PDB file of N, CA and C in Angstrom:
ATOM      1  N   UNK A   1      16.459  -2.668  -1.459  1.00  0.00           N
ATOM      2  CA  UNK A   1      17.627  -3.632  -1.143  1.00  0.00           C
ATOM      3  C   UNK A   1      18.607  -3.297  -0.258  1.00  0.00           C
ATOM      4  N   UNK A   2      18.764  -4.498   0.424  1.00  0.00           N
ATOM      5  CA  UNK A   2      19.971  -4.103   1.088  1.00  0.00           C
ATOM      6  C   UNK A   2      21.213  -5.104   0.740  1.00  0.00           C
ATOM      7  N   UNK A   3      22.062  -4.381   0.256  1.00  0.00           N
ATOM      8  CA  UNK A   3      23.117  -5.192  -0.733  1.00  0.00           C
ATOM      9  C   UNK A   3      22.545  -5.914  -1.646  1.00  0.00           C
ATOM     10  N   UNK A   4      22.893  -6.876  -1.891  1.00  0.00           N
ATOM     11  CA  UNK A   4      22.291  -8.034  -2.934  1.00  0.00           C
ATOM     12  C   UNK A   4      20.960  -8.702  -2.437  1.00  0.00           C
ATOM     13  N   UNK A   5      20.579  -8.495  -1.003  1.00  0.00           N
ATOM     14  CA  UNK A   5      19.393  -9.135  -0.694  1.00  0.00           C
ATOM     15  C   UNK A   5      18.111  -8.242  -0.790  1.00  0.00           C
ATOM     16  N   UNK A   6      16.913  -8.618  -1.815  1.00  0.00           N
ATOM     17  CA  UNK A   6      15.676  -8.159  -1.751  1.00  0.00           C
ATOM     18  C   UNK A   6      14.864  -8.354  -0.484  1.00  0.00           C
ATOM     19  N   UNK A   7      14.375  -6.742   0.353  1.00  0.00           N
ATOM     20  CA  UNK A   7      13.922  -7.185   1.639  1.00  0.00           C
ATOM     21  C   UNK A   7      12.528  -7.530   1.557  1.00  0.00           C
ATOM     22  N   UNK A   8      11.886  -6.811   0.401  1.00  0.00           N
ATOM     23  CA  UNK A   8      10.389  -6.703   0.337  1.00  0.00           C
ATOM     24  C   UNK A   8       9.949  -6.317  -1.289  1.00  0.00           C
ATOM     25  N   UNK A   9       8.672  -6.197  -1.430  1.00  0.00           N
ATOM     26  CA  UNK A   9       8.182  -5.489  -2.618  1.00  0.00           C
ATOM     27  C   UNK A   9       6.846  -5.178  -2.374  1.00  0.00           C
ATOM     28  N   UNK A  10       6.396  -4.573  -3.230  1.00  0.00           N
ATOM     29  CA  UNK A  10       4.922  -4.086  -3.145  1.00  0.00           C
ATOM     30  C   UNK A  10       4.621  -3.932  -4.512  1.00  0.00           C
ATOM     31  N   UNK A  11       3.426  -4.719  -4.935  1.00  0.00           N
ATOM     32  CA  UNK A  11       2.802  -4.825  -6.364  1.00  0.00           C
ATOM     33  C   UNK A  11       1.814  -3.680  -6.484  1.00  0.00           C
ATOM     34  N   UNK A  12       1.887  -2.988  -7.466  1.00  0.00           N
ATOM     35  CA  UNK A  12       0.908  -2.038  -7.620  1.00  0.00           C
ATOM     36  C   UNK A  12       0.722  -1.703  -8.978  1.00  0.00           C
ATOM     37  N   UNK A  13      -0.530  -1.013  -9.286  1.00  0.00           N
ATOM     38  CA  UNK A  13      -0.936  -0.829 -10.679  1.00  0.00           C
ATOM     39  C   UNK A  13      -1.480   0.513 -10.784  1.00  0.00           C
ATOM     40  N   UNK A  14      -1.292   1.523 -11.865  1.00  0.00           N
ATOM     41  CA  UNK A  14      -2.009   2.490 -11.813  1.00  0.00           C
ATOM     42  C   UNK A  14      -2.801   3.019 -13.202  1.00  0.00           C
ATOM     43  N   UNK A  15      -4.115   3.185 -12.860  1.00  0.00           N
ATOM     44  CA  UNK A  15      -4.733   3.569 -13.853  1.00  0.00           C
ATOM     45  C   UNK A  15      -5.601   4.797 -13.649  1.00  0.00           C
ATOM     46  N   UNK A  16      -5.512   5.677 -14.497  1.00  0.00           N
ATOM     47  CA  UNK A  16      -6.293   7.030 -14.204  1.00  0.00           C
ATOM     48  C   UNK A  16      -5.687   7.474 -13.067  1.00  0.00           C
ATOM     49  N   UNK A  17      -6.546   7.895 -12.226  1.00  0.00           N
ATOM     50  CA  UNK A  17      -6.684   8.517 -10.791  1.00  0.00           C
ATOM     51  C   UNK A  17      -6.427   7.559  -9.804  1.00  0.00           C
ATOM     52  N   UNK A  18      -6.246   6.241 -10.187  1.00  0.00           N
ATOM     53  CA  UNK A  18      -5.961   5.295  -8.980  1.00  0.00           C
ATOM     54  C   UNK A  18      -4.931   4.446  -9.106  1.00  0.00           C
ATOM     55  N   UNK A  19      -4.304   4.201  -7.649  1.00  0.00           N
ATOM     56  CA  UNK A  19      -3.285   3.523  -7.732  1.00  0.00           C
ATOM     57  C   UNK A  19      -3.759   1.964  -6.754  1.00  0.00           C
ATOM     58  N   UNK A  20      -3.997   1.175  -7.529  1.00  0.00           N
ATOM     59  CA  UNK A  20      -4.121  -0.258  -6.845  1.00  0.00           C
ATOM     60  C   UNK A  20      -2.824  -0.899  -6.229  1.00  0.00           C
ATOM     61  N   UNK A  21      -3.068  -1.405  -4.953  1.00  0.00           N
ATOM     62  CA  UNK A  21      -2.098  -2.109  -4.439  1.00  0.00           C
ATOM     63  C   UNK A  21      -2.955  -3.384  -4.198  1.00  0.00           C
ATOM     64  N   UNK A  22      -1.625  -4.399  -5.122  1.00  0.00           N
ATOM     65  CA  UNK A  22      -1.988  -5.793  -5.326  1.00  0.00           C
ATOM     66  C   UNK A  22      -1.756  -6.773  -4.073  1.00  0.00           C
ATOM     67  N   UNK A  23      -0.188  -6.487  -3.727  1.00  0.00           N
ATOM     68  CA  UNK A  23       0.538  -7.190  -2.837  1.00  0.00           C
ATOM     69  C   UNK A  23       1.658  -6.630  -2.074  1.00  0.00           C
ATOM     70  N   UNK A  24       1.879  -6.916  -0.936  1.00  0.00           N
ATOM     71  CA  UNK A  24       2.893  -6.421  -0.113  1.00  0.00           C
ATOM     72  C   UNK A  24       3.704  -7.985   0.479  1.00  0.00           C
ATOM     73  N   UNK A  25       5.002  -8.000   0.289  1.00  0.00           N
ATOM     74  CA  UNK A  25       5.748  -8.745   0.969  1.00  0.00           C
ATOM     75  C   UNK A  25       6.752  -8.564   1.409  1.00  0.00           C
ATOM     76  N   UNK A  26       7.435  -9.045   2.489  1.00  0.00           N
ATOM     77  CA  UNK A  26       8.718  -8.671   2.921  1.00  0.00           C
ATOM     78  C   UNK A  26       9.623 -10.178   3.219  1.00  0.00           C
ATOM     79  N   UNK A  27      10.681 -10.364   3.105  1.00  0.00           N
ATOM     80  CA  UNK A  27      11.496 -11.570   3.396  1.00  0.00           C
ATOM     81  C   UNK A  27      11.695 -11.759   4.783  1.00  0.00           C
ATOM     82  N   UNK A  28      11.738 -13.170   4.878  1.00  0.00           N
ATOM     83  CA  UNK A  28      11.651 -13.777   6.423  1.00  0.00           C
ATOM     84  C   UNK A  28      12.810 -12.803   7.085  1.00  0.00           C
ATOM     85  N   UNK A  29      13.894 -12.482   6.611  1.00  0.00           N
ATOM     86  CA  UNK A  29      14.995 -11.820   7.309  1.00  0.00           C
ATOM     87  C   UNK A  29      14.345 -10.453   7.888  1.00  0.00           C
ATOM     88  N   UNK A  30      13.279  -9.567   7.164  1.00  0.00           N
ATOM     89  CA  UNK A  30      12.801  -8.501   7.131  1.00  0.00           C
ATOM     90  C   UNK A  30      11.885  -8.433   8.153  1.00  0.00           C
ATOM     91  N   UNK A  31      11.290  -9.451   8.392  1.00  0.00           N
ATOM     92  CA  UNK A  31       9.789  -9.404   9.184  1.00  0.00           C
ATOM     93  C   UNK A  31      10.316  -8.707  10.229  1.00  0.00           C
ATOM     94  N   UNK A  32       9.127  -8.137  10.988  1.00  0.00           N
ATOM     95  CA  UNK A  32       9.321  -7.685  12.074  1.00  0.00           C
ATOM     96  C   UNK A  32      10.253  -6.349  12.459  1.00  0.00           C
ATOM     97  N   UNK A  33      10.727  -6.081  11.265  1.00  0.00           N
ATOM     98  CA  UNK A  33      11.710  -4.815  11.268  1.00  0.00           C
ATOM     99  C   UNK A  33      11.027  -3.421  10.505  1.00  0.00           C
ATOM    100  N   UNK A  34       9.658  -3.421  10.279  1.00  0.00           N
ATOM    101  CA  UNK A  34       9.097  -2.284   9.761  1.00  0.00           C
ATOM    102  C   UNK A  34       9.137  -2.169   8.304  1.00  0.00           C
ATOM    103  N   UNK A  35       9.884  -2.781   7.644  1.00  0.00           N
ATOM    104  CA  UNK A  35       9.890  -2.907   6.231  1.00  0.00           C
ATOM    105  C   UNK A  35       8.502  -2.689   5.458  1.00  0.00           C
ATOM    106  N   UNK A  36       7.681  -3.535   5.887  1.00  0.00           N
ATOM    107  CA  UNK A  36       6.312  -3.372   5.085  1.00  0.00           C
ATOM    108  C   UNK A  36       5.747  -2.015   5.439  1.00  0.00           C
ATOM    109  N   UNK A  37       5.826  -1.414   6.646  1.00  0.00           N
ATOM    110  CA  UNK A  37       5.422   0.014   6.882  1.00  0.00           C
ATOM    111  C   UNK A  37       6.162   0.954   5.925  1.00  0.00           C
ATOM    112  N   UNK A  38       7.704   0.732   5.856  1.00  0.00           N
ATOM    113  CA  UNK A  38       8.379   1.587   4.847  1.00  0.00           C
ATOM    114  C   UNK A  38       7.600   1.387   3.432  1.00  0.00           C
ATOM    115  N   UNK A  39       7.458   0.475   3.025  1.00  0.00           N
ATOM    116  CA  UNK A  39       6.705   0.332   1.652  1.00  0.00           C
ATOM    117  C   UNK A  39       5.334   1.118   1.644  1.00  0.00           C
ATOM    118  N   UNK A  40       4.800   0.976   2.691  1.00  0.00           N
ATOM    119  CA  UNK A  40       3.332   1.419   2.802  1.00  0.00           C
ATOM    120  C   UNK A  40       3.313   3.116   2.760  1.00  0.00           C
ATOM    121  N   UNK A  41       4.419   3.369   3.514  1.00  0.00           N
ATOM    122  CA  UNK A  41       4.771   4.844   3.583  1.00  0.00           C
ATOM    123  C   UNK A  41       5.115   5.339   2.288  1.00  0.00           C
ATOM    124  N   UNK A  42       6.006   4.961   1.330  1.00  0.00           N
ATOM    125  CA  UNK A  42       6.601   5.244   0.230  1.00  0.00           C
ATOM    126  C   UNK A  42       5.283   5.357  -0.667  1.00  0.00           C
ATOM    127  N   UNK A  43       4.434   4.324  -0.710  1.00  0.00           N
ATOM    128  CA  UNK A  43       3.274   4.200  -1.820  1.00  0.00           C
ATOM    129  C   UNK A  43       2.565   5.309  -1.463  1.00  0.00           C
ATOM    130  N   UNK A  44       1.990   5.745  -0.196  1.00  0.00           N
ATOM    131  CA  UNK A  44       1.443   6.632   0.184  1.00  0.00           C
ATOM    132  C   UNK A  44       1.596   8.227  -0.145  1.00  0.00           C
ATOM    133  N   UNK A  45       3.029   8.353   0.178  1.00  0.00           N
ATOM    134  CA  UNK A  45       4.006   9.616  -0.197  1.00  0.00           C
ATOM    135  C   UNK A  45       3.547   9.726  -1.907  1.00  0.00           C
ATOM    136  N   UNK A  46       3.994   8.511  -2.651  1.00  0.00           N
ATOM    137  CA  UNK A  46       3.806   8.925  -4.041  1.00  0.00           C
ATOM    138  C   UNK A  46       2.285   9.292  -4.311  1.00  0.00           C
ATOM    139  N   UNK A  47       1.288   8.434  -3.813  1.00  0.00           N
ATOM    140  CA  UNK A  47      -0.249   8.684  -4.155  1.00  0.00           C
ATOM    141  C   UNK A  47      -0.209  10.549  -3.793  1.00  0.00           C
ATOM    142  N   UNK A  48       0.000  10.736  -2.681  1.00  0.00           N
ATOM    143  CA  UNK A  48      -0.397  12.242  -2.629  1.00  0.00           C
ATOM    144  C   UNK A  48       0.506  13.121  -3.204  1.00  0.00           C
ATOM    145  N   UNK A  49       1.763  12.838  -3.856  1.00  0.00           N
ATOM    146  CA  UNK A  49       2.428  13.547  -4.787  1.00  0.00           C
ATOM    147  C   UNK A  49       1.554  13.856  -5.726  1.00  0.00           C
ATOM    148  N   UNK A  50       0.991  12.522  -6.356  1.00  0.00           N
ATOM    149  CA  UNK A  50       0.676  12.331  -7.740  1.00  0.00           C
ATOM    150  C   UNK A  50      -0.703  12.435  -7.876  1.00  0.00           C
ATOM    151  N   UNK A  51      -1.601  12.958  -6.615  1.00  0.00           N
ATOM    152  CA  UNK A  51      -3.049  13.289  -6.592  1.00  0.00           C
ATOM    153  C   UNK A  51      -3.646  11.661  -7.179  1.00  0.00           C
ATOM    154  N   UNK A  52      -3.020  10.742  -6.530  1.00  0.00           N
ATOM    155  CA  UNK A  52      -3.951   9.204  -6.780  1.00  0.00           C
ATOM    156  C   UNK A  52      -4.432   8.661  -5.537  1.00  0.00           C
ATOM    157  N   UNK A  53      -5.299   8.208  -5.707  1.00  0.00           N
ATOM    158  CA  UNK A  53      -6.285   7.648  -4.862  1.00  0.00           C
ATOM    159  C   UNK A  53      -6.074   5.823  -5.006  1.00  0.00           C
ATOM    160  N   UNK A  54      -5.742   5.536  -3.789  1.00  0.00           N
ATOM    161  CA  UNK A  54      -5.358   4.140  -3.478  1.00  0.00           C
ATOM    162  C   UNK A  54      -6.544   3.233  -3.196  1.00  0.00           C
ATOM    163  N   UNK A  55      -6.576   2.099  -3.931  1.00  0.00           N
ATOM    164  CA  UNK A  55      -7.593   1.013  -3.999  1.00  0.00           C
ATOM    165  C   UNK A  55      -6.805  -0.183  -3.119  1.00  0.00           C
ATOM    166  N   UNK A  56      -7.058  -0.523  -2.031  1.00  0.00           N
ATOM    167  CA  UNK A  56      -6.082  -1.435  -1.162  1.00  0.00           C
ATOM    168  C   UNK A  56      -6.503  -2.941  -1.261  1.00  0.00           C
ATOM    169  N   UNK A  57      -6.188  -3.481  -2.702  1.00  0.00           N
ATOM    170  CA  UNK A  57      -6.671  -4.926  -2.509  1.00  0.00           C
ATOM    171  C   UNK A  57      -5.787  -5.809  -1.789  1.00  0.00           C
ATOM    172  N   UNK A  58      -4.536  -5.550  -1.262  1.00  0.00           N
ATOM    173  CA  UNK A  58      -3.417  -6.099  -0.595  1.00  0.00           C
ATOM    174  C   UNK A  58      -3.973  -6.243   0.709  1.00  0.00           C
ATOM    175  N   UNK A  59      -4.036  -7.513   1.353  1.00  0.00           N
ATOM    176  CA  UNK A  59      -4.702  -7.613   2.878  1.00  0.00           C
ATOM    177  C   UNK A  59      -3.973  -6.847   4.033  1.00  0.00           C
ATOM    178  N   UNK A  60      -2.502  -6.750   3.530  1.00  0.00           N
ATOM    179  CA  UNK A  60      -1.617  -5.862   4.469  1.00  0.00           C
ATOM    180  C   UNK A  60      -2.234  -4.321   4.492  1.00  0.00           C
ATOM    181  N   UNK A  61      -2.065  -3.622   3.349  1.00  0.00           N
ATOM    182  CA  UNK A  61      -2.488  -2.348   3.098  1.00  0.00           C
ATOM    183  C   UNK A  61      -4.019  -2.090   3.332  1.00  0.00           C
ATOM    184  N   UNK A  62      -4.789  -2.809   3.365  1.00  0.00           N
ATOM    185  CA  UNK A  62      -6.146  -2.988   3.665  1.00  0.00           C
ATOM    186  C   UNK A  62      -6.322  -2.724   5.068  1.00  0.00           C
ATOM    187  N   UNK A  63      -5.832  -3.646   5.723  1.00  0.00           N
ATOM    188  CA  UNK A  63      -5.667  -3.751   7.141  1.00  0.00           C
ATOM    189  C   UNK A  63      -5.096  -2.347   7.843  1.00  0.00           C
ATOM    190  N   UNK A  64      -4.154  -1.756   7.169  1.00  0.00           N
ATOM    191  CA  UNK A  64      -3.398  -0.499   7.576  1.00  0.00           C
ATOM    192  C   UNK A  64      -4.545   0.767   7.439  1.00  0.00           C
ATOM    193  N   UNK A  65      -5.164   0.606   6.487  1.00  0.00           N
ATOM    194  CA  UNK A  65      -5.870   1.658   6.073  1.00  0.00           C
ATOM    195  C   UNK A  65      -7.348   1.573   6.882  1.00  0.00           C
ATOM    196  N   UNK A  66      -7.674   0.139   7.241  1.00  0.00           N
ATOM    197  CA  UNK A  66      -9.088  -0.034   8.225  1.00  0.00           C
ATOM    198  C   UNK A  66      -8.610   0.559   9.695  1.00  0.00           C
ATOM    199  N   UNK A  67      -7.509   0.149   9.935  1.00  0.00           N
ATOM    200  CA  UNK A  67      -6.734   0.353  11.299  1.00  0.00           C
ATOM    201  C   UNK A  67      -6.619   1.943  11.621  1.00  0.00           C
ATOM    202  N   UNK A  68      -6.263   2.515  10.606  1.00  0.00           N
ATOM    203  CA  UNK A  68      -5.825   4.202  10.587  1.00  0.00           C
ATOM    204  C   UNK A  68      -6.454   4.932   9.500  1.00  0.00           C
ATOM    205  N   UNK A  69      -7.866   4.967   9.729  1.00  0.00           N
ATOM    206  CA  UNK A  69      -8.570   5.642   8.451  1.00  0.00           C
ATOM    207  C   UNK A  69      -8.469   7.178   8.529  1.00  0.00           C
ATOM    208  N   UNK A  70      -8.018   7.628   9.535  1.00  0.00           N
ATOM    209  CA  UNK A  70      -7.940   9.320   9.360  1.00  0.00           C
ATOM    210  C   UNK A  70      -6.206   9.584   8.730  1.00  0.00           C
ATOM    211  N   UNK A  71      -5.669   8.553   9.139  1.00  0.00           N
ATOM    212  CA  UNK A  71      -4.133   8.826   8.449  1.00  0.00           C
ATOM    213  C   UNK A  71      -4.130   8.581   6.841  1.00  0.00           C
ATOM    214  N   UNK A  72      -5.194   8.031   6.373  1.00  0.00           N
ATOM    215  CA  UNK A  72      -5.009   7.543   4.955  1.00  0.00           C
ATOM    216  C   UNK A  72      -6.282   8.272   4.288  1.00  0.00           C
ATOM    217  N   UNK A  73      -7.281   8.860   4.948  1.00  0.00           N
ATOM    218  CA  UNK A  73      -8.435   9.212   4.251  1.00  0.00           C
ATOM    219  C   UNK A  73      -8.355   9.950   2.936  1.00  0.00           C
ATOM    220  N   UNK A  74      -7.331  10.785   2.858  1.00  0.00           N
ATOM    221  CA  UNK A  74      -6.993  11.600   1.736  1.00  0.00           C
ATOM    222  C   UNK A  74      -6.819  10.879   0.551  1.00  0.00           C
ATOM    223  N   UNK A  75      -6.036   9.678   0.598  1.00  0.00           N
ATOM    224  CA  UNK A  75      -5.898   8.794  -0.394  1.00  0.00           C
ATOM    225  C   UNK A  75      -6.505   7.652  -0.593  1.00  0.00           C
ATOM    226  N   UNK A  76      -7.317   7.272   0.413  1.00  0.00           N
ATOM    227  CA  UNK A  76      -8.145   5.892   0.192  1.00  0.00           C
ATOM    228  C   UNK A  76      -9.405   6.243  -0.720  1.00  0.00           C
ATOM    229  N   UNK A  77      -9.433   5.221  -1.822  1.00  0.00           N
ATOM    230  CA  UNK A  77     -10.301   5.619  -2.557  1.00  0.00           C
ATOM    231  C   UNK A  77     -11.618   4.162  -2.134  1.00  0.00           C
ATOM    232  N   UNK A  78     -12.172   4.881  -1.038  1.00  0.00           N
ATOM    233  CA  UNK A  78     -13.177   3.765  -0.490  1.00  0.00           C
ATOM    234  C   UNK A  78     -14.187   3.545  -1.191  1.00  0.00           C
ATOM    235  N   UNK A  79     -14.862   4.194  -2.190  1.00  0.00           N
ATOM    236  CA  UNK A  79     -15.964   3.864  -3.053  1.00  0.00           C
ATOM    237  C   UNK A  79     -15.393   2.664  -3.814  1.00  0.00           C
ATOM    238  N   UNK A  80     -14.281   2.576  -4.440  1.00  0.00           N
ATOM    239  CA  UNK A  80     -13.774   1.498  -5.282  1.00  0.00           C
ATOM    240  C   UNK A  80     -13.448   0.496  -4.339  1.00  0.00           C
ATOM    241  N   UNK A  81     -13.048   0.512  -3.188  1.00  0.00           N
ATOM    242  CA  UNK A  81     -12.512  -0.479  -2.066  1.00  0.00           C
ATOM    243  C   UNK A  81     -13.867  -1.153  -1.845  1.00  0.00           C
ATOM    244  N   UNK A  82     -15.012  -0.333  -1.468  1.00  0.00           N
ATOM    245  CA  UNK A  82     -16.060  -1.290  -1.143  1.00  0.00           C
ATOM    246  C   UNK A  82     -16.650  -2.112  -2.398  1.00  0.00           C
ATOM    247  N   UNK A  83     -16.492  -1.625  -3.469  1.00  0.00           N
ATOM    248  CA  UNK A  83     -17.060  -2.496  -4.672  1.00  0.00           C
ATOM    249  C   UNK A  83     -16.077  -3.715  -4.686  1.00  0.00           C
ATOM    250  N   UNK A  84     -14.974  -3.734  -4.274  1.00  0.00           N
ATOM    251  CA  UNK A  84     -14.012  -5.028  -4.320  1.00  0.00           C
ATOM    252  C   UNK A  84     -14.456  -6.134  -3.362  1.00  0.00           C
ATOM    253  N   UNK A  85     -15.345  -5.376  -2.015  1.00  0.00           N
ATOM    254  CA  UNK A  85     -15.411  -6.093  -0.959  1.00  0.00           C
ATOM    255  C   UNK A  85     -16.733  -7.065  -1.408  1.00  0.00           C
ATOM    256  N   UNK A  86     -17.437  -6.574  -2.487  1.00  0.00           N
ATOM    257  CA  UNK A  86     -18.909  -7.443  -2.504  1.00  0.00           C
ATOM    258  C   UNK A  86     -18.483  -8.470  -3.458  1.00  0.00           C
TER     259      UNK A  86
END
């Protein structure tokens, strides 16, 4: 939050060793300012710290994982992700 304005949100769920990202959204005022990337970075740091694997159902997170597979290889649960693609 920036003052009283919410700049964005990321909706996640944790089940066992998996962290599923369902949705990422930033406000119109925050678009193009790297706020979604900040949310992504915080989520990945949390996953790493807690030994969680990420299932990126959110289109934004999924696109970032596919664009930068080496950066996220340690946390990306590709097996579960591929099940969701079918």
